[in-house]
N, C-alpha and C. Protein backbone atom coordinates (compact mmCIF):
# COMPACT_ATOMS: atom_id res chain seq x y z
N MET A 1 19.69 24.54 -8.83
CA MET A 1 19.09 23.21 -8.73
C MET A 1 19.96 22.20 -9.45
N LYS A 2 20.10 21.05 -8.86
CA LYS A 2 20.95 20.00 -9.43
C LYS A 2 20.26 19.35 -10.62
N GLU A 3 21.09 18.88 -11.55
CA GLU A 3 20.57 18.16 -12.70
C GLU A 3 20.12 16.78 -12.26
N GLU A 4 19.09 16.22 -12.95
CA GLU A 4 18.66 14.87 -12.66
C GLU A 4 19.80 13.91 -12.97
N GLY A 5 20.04 13.00 -12.07
CA GLY A 5 21.07 12.00 -12.28
C GLY A 5 22.41 12.37 -11.67
N LYS A 6 22.63 13.64 -11.33
CA LYS A 6 23.88 14.03 -10.70
C LYS A 6 23.86 13.61 -9.24
N LYS A 7 24.95 13.03 -8.78
CA LYS A 7 25.00 12.50 -7.42
C LYS A 7 24.85 13.62 -6.39
N ILE A 8 23.88 13.43 -5.50
CA ILE A 8 23.62 14.37 -4.42
C ILE A 8 24.01 13.68 -3.13
N LEU A 9 24.72 14.37 -2.26
CA LEU A 9 25.26 13.75 -1.06
C LEU A 9 24.40 13.97 0.19
N GLY A 10 24.45 13.00 1.09
CA GLY A 10 23.94 13.07 2.45
C GLY A 10 22.65 13.80 2.70
N GLU A 11 22.72 14.78 3.60
CA GLU A 11 21.53 15.49 4.05
C GLU A 11 20.83 16.22 2.90
N GLU A 12 21.60 16.76 1.98
CA GLU A 12 21.00 17.42 0.81
C GLU A 12 20.16 16.43 0.01
N ARG A 13 20.65 15.19 -0.12
CA ARG A 13 19.91 14.15 -0.85
C ARG A 13 18.62 13.80 -0.10
N ARG A 14 18.70 13.66 1.22
CA ARG A 14 17.50 13.34 1.99
C ARG A 14 16.46 14.46 1.91
N GLU A 15 16.92 15.70 1.90
CA GLU A 15 16.00 16.83 1.72
C GLU A 15 15.33 16.78 0.34
N LYS A 16 16.12 16.42 -0.67
CA LYS A 16 15.59 16.28 -2.03
C LYS A 16 14.56 15.15 -2.09
N LEU A 17 14.88 14.01 -1.45
CA LEU A 17 13.94 12.88 -1.42
C LEU A 17 12.62 13.30 -0.78
N LEU A 18 12.71 13.96 0.35
CA LEU A 18 11.51 14.41 1.05
C LEU A 18 10.71 15.36 0.17
N SER A 19 11.39 16.27 -0.47
CA SER A 19 10.72 17.22 -1.36
C SER A 19 10.01 16.50 -2.51
N LEU A 20 10.70 15.55 -3.14
CA LEU A 20 10.10 14.79 -4.24
C LEU A 20 8.85 14.04 -3.78
N LEU A 21 8.95 13.42 -2.60
CA LEU A 21 7.82 12.65 -2.07
C LEU A 21 6.65 13.57 -1.70
N GLN A 22 6.95 14.71 -1.11
CA GLN A 22 5.89 15.65 -0.72
C GLN A 22 5.19 16.25 -1.93
N GLU A 23 5.91 16.43 -3.03
CA GLU A 23 5.34 17.02 -4.24
C GLU A 23 4.49 16.02 -5.03
N SER A 24 4.73 14.73 -4.81
CA SER A 24 4.02 13.70 -5.57
C SER A 24 2.77 13.25 -4.84
N HIS A 25 1.72 13.00 -5.60
CA HIS A 25 0.49 12.47 -5.01
C HIS A 25 0.34 10.99 -5.29
N SER A 26 1.37 10.39 -5.86
CA SER A 26 1.38 8.95 -6.09
C SER A 26 2.75 8.40 -5.66
N PRO A 27 2.81 7.11 -5.38
CA PRO A 27 4.09 6.53 -4.93
C PRO A 27 5.20 6.69 -5.97
N ILE A 28 6.43 6.78 -5.47
CA ILE A 28 7.62 6.86 -6.33
C ILE A 28 8.51 5.68 -5.96
N THR A 29 8.94 4.93 -6.95
CA THR A 29 9.77 3.75 -6.66
C THR A 29 11.16 4.17 -6.19
N GLY A 30 11.80 3.27 -5.46
CA GLY A 30 13.17 3.50 -5.01
C GLY A 30 14.10 3.70 -6.20
N SER A 31 13.85 2.97 -7.28
CA SER A 31 14.69 3.10 -8.48
C SER A 31 14.56 4.48 -9.10
N GLU A 32 13.32 5.01 -9.13
CA GLU A 32 13.11 6.36 -9.67
C GLU A 32 13.83 7.40 -8.81
N LEU A 33 13.72 7.26 -7.49
CA LEU A 33 14.39 8.19 -6.58
C LEU A 33 15.90 8.10 -6.73
N ALA A 34 16.40 6.88 -6.90
CA ALA A 34 17.84 6.68 -7.08
C ALA A 34 18.33 7.39 -8.35
N LYS A 35 17.56 7.25 -9.41
CA LYS A 35 17.92 7.88 -10.69
C LYS A 35 17.96 9.41 -10.56
N LYS A 36 16.97 9.95 -9.83
CA LYS A 36 16.88 11.41 -9.68
C LYS A 36 17.97 11.99 -8.79
N THR A 37 18.56 11.15 -7.94
CA THR A 37 19.58 11.65 -7.01
C THR A 37 20.98 11.10 -7.31
N GLY A 38 21.09 10.26 -8.34
CA GLY A 38 22.39 9.78 -8.77
C GLY A 38 23.05 8.78 -7.82
N VAL A 39 22.23 8.04 -7.07
CA VAL A 39 22.78 7.03 -6.16
C VAL A 39 22.07 5.70 -6.41
N SER A 40 22.48 4.66 -5.70
CA SER A 40 21.85 3.35 -5.86
C SER A 40 20.53 3.27 -5.10
N ARG A 41 19.71 2.31 -5.49
CA ARG A 41 18.45 2.09 -4.79
C ARG A 41 18.71 1.73 -3.33
N GLN A 42 19.79 1.02 -3.08
CA GLN A 42 20.14 0.62 -1.72
C GLN A 42 20.41 1.87 -0.84
N VAL A 43 21.04 2.88 -1.40
CA VAL A 43 21.27 4.13 -0.67
C VAL A 43 19.93 4.79 -0.35
N ILE A 44 19.00 4.75 -1.31
CA ILE A 44 17.67 5.32 -1.10
C ILE A 44 16.96 4.62 0.05
N VAL A 45 17.03 3.29 0.10
CA VAL A 45 16.40 2.53 1.19
C VAL A 45 16.94 3.01 2.54
N GLY A 46 18.25 3.20 2.62
CA GLY A 46 18.86 3.71 3.85
C GLY A 46 18.39 5.11 4.18
N ASP A 47 18.33 5.97 3.17
CA ASP A 47 17.87 7.35 3.38
C ASP A 47 16.41 7.38 3.86
N ILE A 48 15.57 6.56 3.25
CA ILE A 48 14.16 6.51 3.64
C ILE A 48 14.05 6.06 5.10
N ASN A 49 14.85 5.08 5.49
CA ASN A 49 14.83 4.62 6.88
C ASN A 49 15.29 5.73 7.83
N LEU A 50 16.29 6.50 7.43
CA LEU A 50 16.73 7.63 8.25
C LEU A 50 15.62 8.68 8.40
N LEU A 51 14.91 8.95 7.31
CA LEU A 51 13.81 9.91 7.36
C LEU A 51 12.67 9.38 8.25
N LYS A 52 12.37 8.09 8.13
CA LYS A 52 11.33 7.50 8.97
C LYS A 52 11.72 7.56 10.45
N ALA A 53 13.01 7.39 10.74
CA ALA A 53 13.49 7.45 12.13
C ALA A 53 13.28 8.84 12.71
N ARG A 54 13.15 9.86 11.86
CA ARG A 54 12.87 11.24 12.30
C ARG A 54 11.36 11.49 12.40
N ASN A 55 10.60 10.41 12.32
CA ASN A 55 9.13 10.47 12.36
C ASN A 55 8.53 11.22 11.18
N ILE A 56 9.19 11.18 10.05
CA ILE A 56 8.63 11.75 8.84
C ILE A 56 7.69 10.69 8.26
N PRO A 57 6.45 11.05 7.97
CA PRO A 57 5.45 10.06 7.58
C PRO A 57 5.60 9.56 6.14
N ILE A 58 6.51 8.63 5.95
CA ILE A 58 6.74 8.01 4.65
C ILE A 58 6.35 6.55 4.77
N MET A 59 5.60 6.07 3.79
CA MET A 59 5.15 4.69 3.78
C MET A 59 5.71 3.98 2.55
N ALA A 60 6.19 2.76 2.76
CA ALA A 60 6.61 1.93 1.63
C ALA A 60 5.39 1.12 1.20
N THR A 61 4.99 1.29 -0.06
CA THR A 61 3.87 0.53 -0.60
C THR A 61 4.39 -0.37 -1.71
N SER A 62 3.52 -1.20 -2.23
CA SER A 62 3.94 -2.08 -3.33
C SER A 62 4.25 -1.29 -4.60
N GLN A 63 3.79 -0.03 -4.68
CA GLN A 63 4.07 0.81 -5.86
C GLN A 63 5.25 1.74 -5.66
N GLY A 64 5.77 1.82 -4.44
CA GLY A 64 6.88 2.71 -4.16
C GLY A 64 6.66 3.46 -2.85
N TYR A 65 7.44 4.51 -2.64
CA TYR A 65 7.35 5.29 -1.41
C TYR A 65 6.32 6.40 -1.56
N LEU A 66 5.61 6.65 -0.44
CA LEU A 66 4.54 7.61 -0.45
C LEU A 66 4.63 8.47 0.81
N TYR A 67 4.55 9.78 0.62
CA TYR A 67 4.50 10.69 1.76
C TYR A 67 3.05 10.74 2.23
N ILE A 68 2.83 10.48 3.50
CA ILE A 68 1.47 10.43 4.05
C ILE A 68 1.07 11.82 4.54
N ARG A 69 0.07 12.36 3.90
CA ARG A 69 -0.44 13.68 4.28
C ARG A 69 -1.53 13.52 5.32
N PRO A 70 -1.69 14.51 6.18
CA PRO A 70 -2.80 14.45 7.14
C PRO A 70 -4.13 14.35 6.39
N ALA A 71 -5.08 13.66 6.98
CA ALA A 71 -6.38 13.47 6.34
C ALA A 71 -7.00 14.82 6.01
N GLN A 72 -7.53 14.91 4.80
CA GLN A 72 -8.17 16.14 4.35
C GLN A 72 -9.63 15.86 4.00
N ASN A 73 -10.22 14.90 4.71
CA ASN A 73 -11.60 14.50 4.49
C ASN A 73 -11.87 14.00 3.07
N ASN A 74 -10.80 13.50 2.38
CA ASN A 74 -11.02 12.86 1.09
C ASN A 74 -11.87 11.62 1.29
N PHE A 75 -11.62 10.93 2.41
CA PHE A 75 -12.37 9.73 2.75
C PHE A 75 -12.99 9.98 4.12
N LEU A 76 -14.30 9.90 4.17
CA LEU A 76 -14.99 10.17 5.41
C LEU A 76 -15.16 8.90 6.25
N ILE A 77 -15.16 7.75 5.59
CA ILE A 77 -15.45 6.49 6.27
C ILE A 77 -14.23 5.57 6.18
N GLU A 78 -13.88 4.99 7.33
CA GLU A 78 -12.82 3.98 7.36
C GLU A 78 -13.37 2.78 8.12
N LYS A 79 -13.13 1.60 7.58
CA LYS A 79 -13.66 0.38 8.20
C LYS A 79 -12.69 -0.77 7.96
N THR A 80 -12.61 -1.66 8.94
CA THR A 80 -11.81 -2.88 8.80
C THR A 80 -12.76 -4.04 8.58
N ILE A 81 -12.45 -4.84 7.57
CA ILE A 81 -13.26 -6.02 7.27
C ILE A 81 -12.40 -7.27 7.36
N VAL A 82 -13.06 -8.41 7.58
CA VAL A 82 -12.36 -9.70 7.64
C VAL A 82 -12.74 -10.49 6.39
N CYS A 83 -11.72 -10.99 5.72
CA CYS A 83 -11.93 -11.76 4.49
C CYS A 83 -11.23 -13.11 4.60
N SER A 84 -11.71 -14.04 3.81
CA SER A 84 -11.06 -15.35 3.70
C SER A 84 -11.31 -15.87 2.30
N HIS A 85 -10.22 -16.18 1.62
CA HIS A 85 -10.36 -16.69 0.25
C HIS A 85 -9.06 -17.34 -0.19
N SER A 86 -9.13 -18.02 -1.32
CA SER A 86 -7.94 -18.63 -1.90
C SER A 86 -7.09 -17.56 -2.56
N ARG A 87 -5.84 -17.90 -2.80
CA ARG A 87 -4.92 -16.98 -3.48
C ARG A 87 -5.48 -16.54 -4.83
N SER A 88 -6.15 -17.45 -5.52
CA SER A 88 -6.67 -17.15 -6.85
C SER A 88 -7.80 -16.12 -6.83
N GLN A 89 -8.39 -15.85 -5.66
CA GLN A 89 -9.48 -14.87 -5.57
C GLN A 89 -8.98 -13.48 -5.17
N THR A 90 -7.68 -13.31 -5.00
CA THR A 90 -7.13 -12.02 -4.57
C THR A 90 -7.50 -10.90 -5.53
N LYS A 91 -7.34 -11.14 -6.82
CA LYS A 91 -7.66 -10.11 -7.81
C LYS A 91 -9.14 -9.75 -7.74
N GLU A 92 -10.00 -10.75 -7.66
CA GLU A 92 -11.44 -10.51 -7.58
C GLU A 92 -11.77 -9.66 -6.35
N GLU A 93 -11.20 -10.03 -5.20
CA GLU A 93 -11.45 -9.29 -3.96
C GLU A 93 -11.06 -7.83 -4.10
N LEU A 94 -9.83 -7.57 -4.52
CA LEU A 94 -9.34 -6.20 -4.62
C LEU A 94 -10.11 -5.39 -5.66
N ASN A 95 -10.43 -6.02 -6.80
CA ASN A 95 -11.19 -5.30 -7.83
C ASN A 95 -12.59 -4.95 -7.36
N ILE A 96 -13.24 -5.84 -6.61
CA ILE A 96 -14.57 -5.52 -6.07
C ILE A 96 -14.46 -4.26 -5.22
N LEU A 97 -13.46 -4.21 -4.37
CA LEU A 97 -13.32 -3.06 -3.47
C LEU A 97 -13.03 -1.76 -4.23
N VAL A 98 -12.03 -1.78 -5.12
CA VAL A 98 -11.68 -0.54 -5.82
C VAL A 98 -12.77 -0.10 -6.79
N ASP A 99 -13.54 -1.06 -7.32
CA ASP A 99 -14.64 -0.70 -8.23
C ASP A 99 -15.75 0.07 -7.52
N HIS A 100 -15.76 0.01 -6.19
CA HIS A 100 -16.75 0.76 -5.41
C HIS A 100 -16.16 2.07 -4.88
N GLY A 101 -15.00 2.47 -5.43
CA GLY A 101 -14.39 3.74 -5.03
C GLY A 101 -13.67 3.66 -3.70
N ILE A 102 -13.31 2.45 -3.31
CA ILE A 102 -12.68 2.22 -2.01
C ILE A 102 -11.16 2.10 -2.19
N THR A 103 -10.42 2.68 -1.27
CA THR A 103 -8.98 2.46 -1.20
C THR A 103 -8.73 1.37 -0.17
N VAL A 104 -7.99 0.34 -0.59
CA VAL A 104 -7.60 -0.73 0.33
C VAL A 104 -6.26 -0.29 0.92
N LYS A 105 -6.31 0.18 2.16
CA LYS A 105 -5.14 0.77 2.78
C LYS A 105 -4.08 -0.27 3.15
N ASN A 106 -4.54 -1.44 3.65
CA ASN A 106 -3.57 -2.43 4.09
C ASN A 106 -4.17 -3.81 4.13
N VAL A 107 -3.32 -4.77 4.45
CA VAL A 107 -3.74 -6.14 4.73
C VAL A 107 -3.07 -6.51 6.05
N ALA A 108 -3.81 -7.22 6.90
CA ALA A 108 -3.28 -7.60 8.21
C ALA A 108 -3.66 -9.04 8.52
N ILE A 109 -2.78 -9.71 9.25
CA ILE A 109 -3.07 -11.07 9.71
C ILE A 109 -2.63 -11.19 11.17
N GLU A 110 -3.10 -12.24 11.80
CA GLU A 110 -2.61 -12.57 13.13
C GLU A 110 -1.76 -13.81 12.99
N HIS A 111 -0.45 -13.63 13.14
CA HIS A 111 0.52 -14.71 12.97
C HIS A 111 0.74 -15.40 14.31
N PRO A 112 0.83 -16.75 14.31
CA PRO A 112 0.98 -17.46 15.59
C PRO A 112 2.27 -17.15 16.35
N ILE A 113 3.29 -16.69 15.67
CA ILE A 113 4.56 -16.38 16.34
C ILE A 113 4.76 -14.88 16.50
N TYR A 114 4.53 -14.11 15.44
CA TYR A 114 4.83 -12.69 15.43
C TYR A 114 3.67 -11.80 15.87
N GLY A 115 2.50 -12.38 16.09
CA GLY A 115 1.34 -11.57 16.45
C GLY A 115 0.78 -10.85 15.24
N ASP A 116 0.31 -9.64 15.43
CA ASP A 116 -0.30 -8.88 14.34
C ASP A 116 0.76 -8.41 13.34
N LEU A 117 0.55 -8.76 12.07
CA LEU A 117 1.42 -8.29 10.98
C LEU A 117 0.55 -7.50 10.01
N THR A 118 1.01 -6.32 9.65
CA THR A 118 0.26 -5.45 8.74
C THR A 118 1.20 -4.97 7.64
N ALA A 119 0.68 -4.98 6.42
CA ALA A 119 1.45 -4.47 5.29
C ALA A 119 0.59 -3.45 4.53
N SER A 120 1.21 -2.38 4.13
CA SER A 120 0.53 -1.35 3.38
C SER A 120 0.24 -1.83 1.96
N LEU A 121 -0.96 -1.56 1.46
CA LEU A 121 -1.30 -1.84 0.07
C LEU A 121 -1.55 -0.54 -0.69
N MET A 122 -2.43 0.30 -0.18
CA MET A 122 -2.78 1.58 -0.79
C MET A 122 -3.13 1.43 -2.27
N VAL A 123 -4.07 0.53 -2.55
CA VAL A 123 -4.56 0.38 -3.92
C VAL A 123 -5.96 0.97 -4.00
N SER A 124 -6.22 1.74 -5.05
CA SER A 124 -7.52 2.39 -5.17
C SER A 124 -8.12 2.31 -6.57
N ASN A 125 -7.43 1.62 -7.48
CA ASN A 125 -8.01 1.42 -8.81
C ASN A 125 -7.45 0.13 -9.42
N ARG A 126 -8.04 -0.31 -10.51
CA ARG A 126 -7.64 -1.58 -11.12
C ARG A 126 -6.18 -1.59 -11.60
N LYS A 127 -5.69 -0.47 -12.05
CA LYS A 127 -4.30 -0.40 -12.49
C LYS A 127 -3.36 -0.69 -11.31
N GLU A 128 -3.65 -0.12 -10.15
CA GLU A 128 -2.82 -0.36 -8.97
C GLU A 128 -2.95 -1.80 -8.48
N VAL A 129 -4.15 -2.37 -8.60
CA VAL A 129 -4.35 -3.79 -8.25
C VAL A 129 -3.48 -4.65 -9.15
N GLU A 130 -3.53 -4.38 -10.44
CA GLU A 130 -2.75 -5.15 -11.41
C GLU A 130 -1.25 -5.02 -11.14
N HIS A 131 -0.80 -3.81 -10.84
CA HIS A 131 0.61 -3.58 -10.52
C HIS A 131 1.02 -4.39 -9.30
N PHE A 132 0.21 -4.37 -8.26
CA PHE A 132 0.49 -5.13 -7.04
C PHE A 132 0.59 -6.62 -7.34
N LEU A 133 -0.39 -7.16 -8.08
CA LEU A 133 -0.40 -8.59 -8.37
C LEU A 133 0.76 -8.99 -9.29
N ASN A 134 1.11 -8.13 -10.23
CA ASN A 134 2.27 -8.41 -11.09
C ASN A 134 3.56 -8.44 -10.27
N LYS A 135 3.67 -7.54 -9.31
CA LYS A 135 4.86 -7.52 -8.46
C LYS A 135 4.94 -8.78 -7.61
N VAL A 136 3.82 -9.24 -7.10
CA VAL A 136 3.78 -10.49 -6.33
C VAL A 136 4.26 -11.64 -7.21
N LYS A 137 3.75 -11.69 -8.44
CA LYS A 137 4.10 -12.76 -9.36
C LYS A 137 5.58 -12.70 -9.77
N LEU A 138 6.06 -11.51 -10.14
CA LEU A 138 7.44 -11.35 -10.58
C LEU A 138 8.46 -11.69 -9.49
N THR A 139 8.12 -11.38 -8.25
CA THR A 139 9.03 -11.64 -7.14
C THR A 139 8.80 -12.99 -6.48
N ASN A 140 7.79 -13.71 -6.99
CA ASN A 140 7.42 -15.01 -6.43
C ASN A 140 7.19 -14.91 -4.92
N SER A 141 6.54 -13.83 -4.51
CA SER A 141 6.31 -13.56 -3.09
C SER A 141 5.04 -14.24 -2.60
N SER A 142 5.02 -14.48 -1.31
CA SER A 142 3.82 -14.98 -0.65
C SER A 142 2.96 -13.79 -0.26
N LEU A 143 1.67 -14.01 -0.23
CA LEU A 143 0.75 -13.03 0.33
C LEU A 143 0.69 -13.28 1.83
N LEU A 144 0.42 -12.24 2.61
CA LEU A 144 0.28 -12.46 4.06
C LEU A 144 -0.80 -13.49 4.34
N ALA A 145 -1.88 -13.46 3.58
CA ALA A 145 -2.98 -14.40 3.79
C ALA A 145 -2.56 -15.85 3.57
N ASP A 146 -1.48 -16.07 2.82
CA ASP A 146 -0.97 -17.43 2.62
C ASP A 146 -0.52 -18.04 3.95
N LEU A 147 -0.16 -17.19 4.90
CA LEU A 147 0.33 -17.66 6.20
C LEU A 147 -0.79 -18.04 7.15
N THR A 148 -2.03 -17.71 6.79
CA THR A 148 -3.16 -17.93 7.70
C THR A 148 -4.32 -18.65 7.00
N SER A 149 -3.99 -19.49 6.03
CA SER A 149 -5.02 -20.23 5.28
C SER A 149 -6.07 -19.30 4.67
N GLY A 150 -5.66 -18.11 4.29
CA GLY A 150 -6.53 -17.18 3.58
C GLY A 150 -7.25 -16.15 4.43
N ILE A 151 -7.21 -16.27 5.75
CA ILE A 151 -7.92 -15.33 6.61
C ILE A 151 -7.07 -14.07 6.81
N HIS A 152 -7.67 -12.92 6.56
CA HIS A 152 -6.96 -11.65 6.70
C HIS A 152 -7.93 -10.50 6.87
N LEU A 153 -7.40 -9.35 7.24
CA LEU A 153 -8.20 -8.14 7.41
C LEU A 153 -7.72 -7.09 6.42
N HIS A 154 -8.63 -6.21 6.05
CA HIS A 154 -8.27 -5.04 5.25
C HIS A 154 -8.85 -3.81 5.92
N THR A 155 -8.06 -2.74 6.00
CA THR A 155 -8.59 -1.45 6.39
C THR A 155 -8.95 -0.72 5.11
N LEU A 156 -10.20 -0.30 5.04
CA LEU A 156 -10.74 0.35 3.85
C LEU A 156 -11.00 1.82 4.13
N ALA A 157 -10.83 2.64 3.11
CA ALA A 157 -11.19 4.06 3.19
C ALA A 157 -12.11 4.34 2.02
N ALA A 158 -13.26 4.94 2.32
CA ALA A 158 -14.27 5.15 1.27
C ALA A 158 -14.95 6.50 1.44
N PRO A 159 -15.51 7.01 0.36
CA PRO A 159 -16.20 8.30 0.42
C PRO A 159 -17.54 8.24 1.16
N SER A 160 -18.09 7.01 1.31
CA SER A 160 -19.38 6.89 2.00
C SER A 160 -19.55 5.51 2.60
N ASN A 161 -20.41 5.42 3.57
CA ASN A 161 -20.76 4.13 4.18
C ASN A 161 -21.45 3.25 3.15
N GLU A 162 -22.22 3.88 2.28
CA GLU A 162 -22.95 3.15 1.24
C GLU A 162 -21.98 2.39 0.32
N ALA A 163 -20.86 3.01 -0.03
CA ALA A 163 -19.87 2.35 -0.89
C ALA A 163 -19.33 1.09 -0.21
N ILE A 164 -19.05 1.18 1.07
CA ILE A 164 -18.55 0.02 1.81
C ILE A 164 -19.63 -1.06 1.90
N GLU A 165 -20.85 -0.66 2.18
CA GLU A 165 -21.95 -1.64 2.28
C GLU A 165 -22.17 -2.38 0.97
N LYS A 166 -22.12 -1.66 -0.15
CA LYS A 166 -22.29 -2.30 -1.47
C LYS A 166 -21.13 -3.26 -1.75
N ALA A 167 -19.91 -2.85 -1.42
CA ALA A 167 -18.75 -3.72 -1.63
C ALA A 167 -18.85 -4.96 -0.75
N GLU A 168 -19.26 -4.78 0.50
CA GLU A 168 -19.40 -5.92 1.41
C GLU A 168 -20.43 -6.92 0.89
N LYS A 169 -21.52 -6.41 0.35
CA LYS A 169 -22.56 -7.28 -0.21
C LYS A 169 -21.99 -8.11 -1.37
N GLU A 170 -21.20 -7.47 -2.23
CA GLU A 170 -20.60 -8.16 -3.37
C GLU A 170 -19.54 -9.17 -2.91
N LEU A 171 -18.74 -8.78 -1.91
CA LEU A 171 -17.74 -9.70 -1.36
C LEU A 171 -18.41 -10.92 -0.72
N LYS A 172 -19.50 -10.69 -0.04
CA LYS A 172 -20.24 -11.79 0.60
C LYS A 172 -20.78 -12.74 -0.46
N ALA A 173 -21.34 -12.20 -1.53
CA ALA A 173 -21.88 -13.02 -2.62
C ALA A 173 -20.78 -13.86 -3.29
N ALA A 174 -19.55 -13.32 -3.29
CA ALA A 174 -18.42 -14.04 -3.89
C ALA A 174 -17.79 -15.04 -2.90
N GLY A 175 -18.33 -15.06 -1.67
CA GLY A 175 -17.79 -15.99 -0.67
C GLY A 175 -16.47 -15.55 -0.08
N ILE A 176 -16.19 -14.24 -0.12
CA ILE A 176 -14.91 -13.69 0.34
C ILE A 176 -15.03 -13.06 1.72
N LEU A 177 -16.11 -12.35 1.99
CA LEU A 177 -16.29 -11.66 3.26
C LEU A 177 -16.64 -12.68 4.34
N VAL A 178 -15.95 -12.59 5.47
CA VAL A 178 -16.28 -13.47 6.59
C VAL A 178 -17.52 -12.92 7.28
N ASP A 179 -18.53 -13.76 7.41
CA ASP A 179 -19.79 -13.36 8.02
C ASP A 179 -19.60 -13.19 9.51
N GLU A 180 -20.10 -12.07 10.04
CA GLU A 180 -19.92 -11.77 11.46
C GLU A 180 -20.83 -12.62 12.34
N ASN A 181 -21.80 -13.32 11.77
CA ASN A 181 -22.73 -14.13 12.57
C ASN A 181 -22.21 -15.53 12.78
């Protein structure tokens, strides 16, 4: 086995990346992967794209790269909700959802030029919410909802319908959930 930090070449490096991602149950940053394989983060980005081109289920999240495992009934209920709020309510929205045991899988908008745009979030606790928001702030990035005056969708995964219903009630009370009526 190669030492951490020693440069690993080509296909052997991609096999190592896949192995590291498959062994981890949480995202790994490109910088961490680069350090473990002795190459630059830019090389890792290229390797990840090559692996994705082989239909290997790797997702780039705000916390790093994640190997997507087939559903194992960890979450029985999945639902898409429509929200609308100001940028300043983003933390409140995400915390309401994760506090009910919900994973916010993604955010999606309908863009007037590009059509449907979806970005992976994969946040399931307050620490991950904070990490996501800190990354937005540090990079001075726009949220997708900024492009649509705050209107966006989230795909949620939850252990029960009751968890989603309770979260929806709280989001509605906060003026965040778009009423279907």
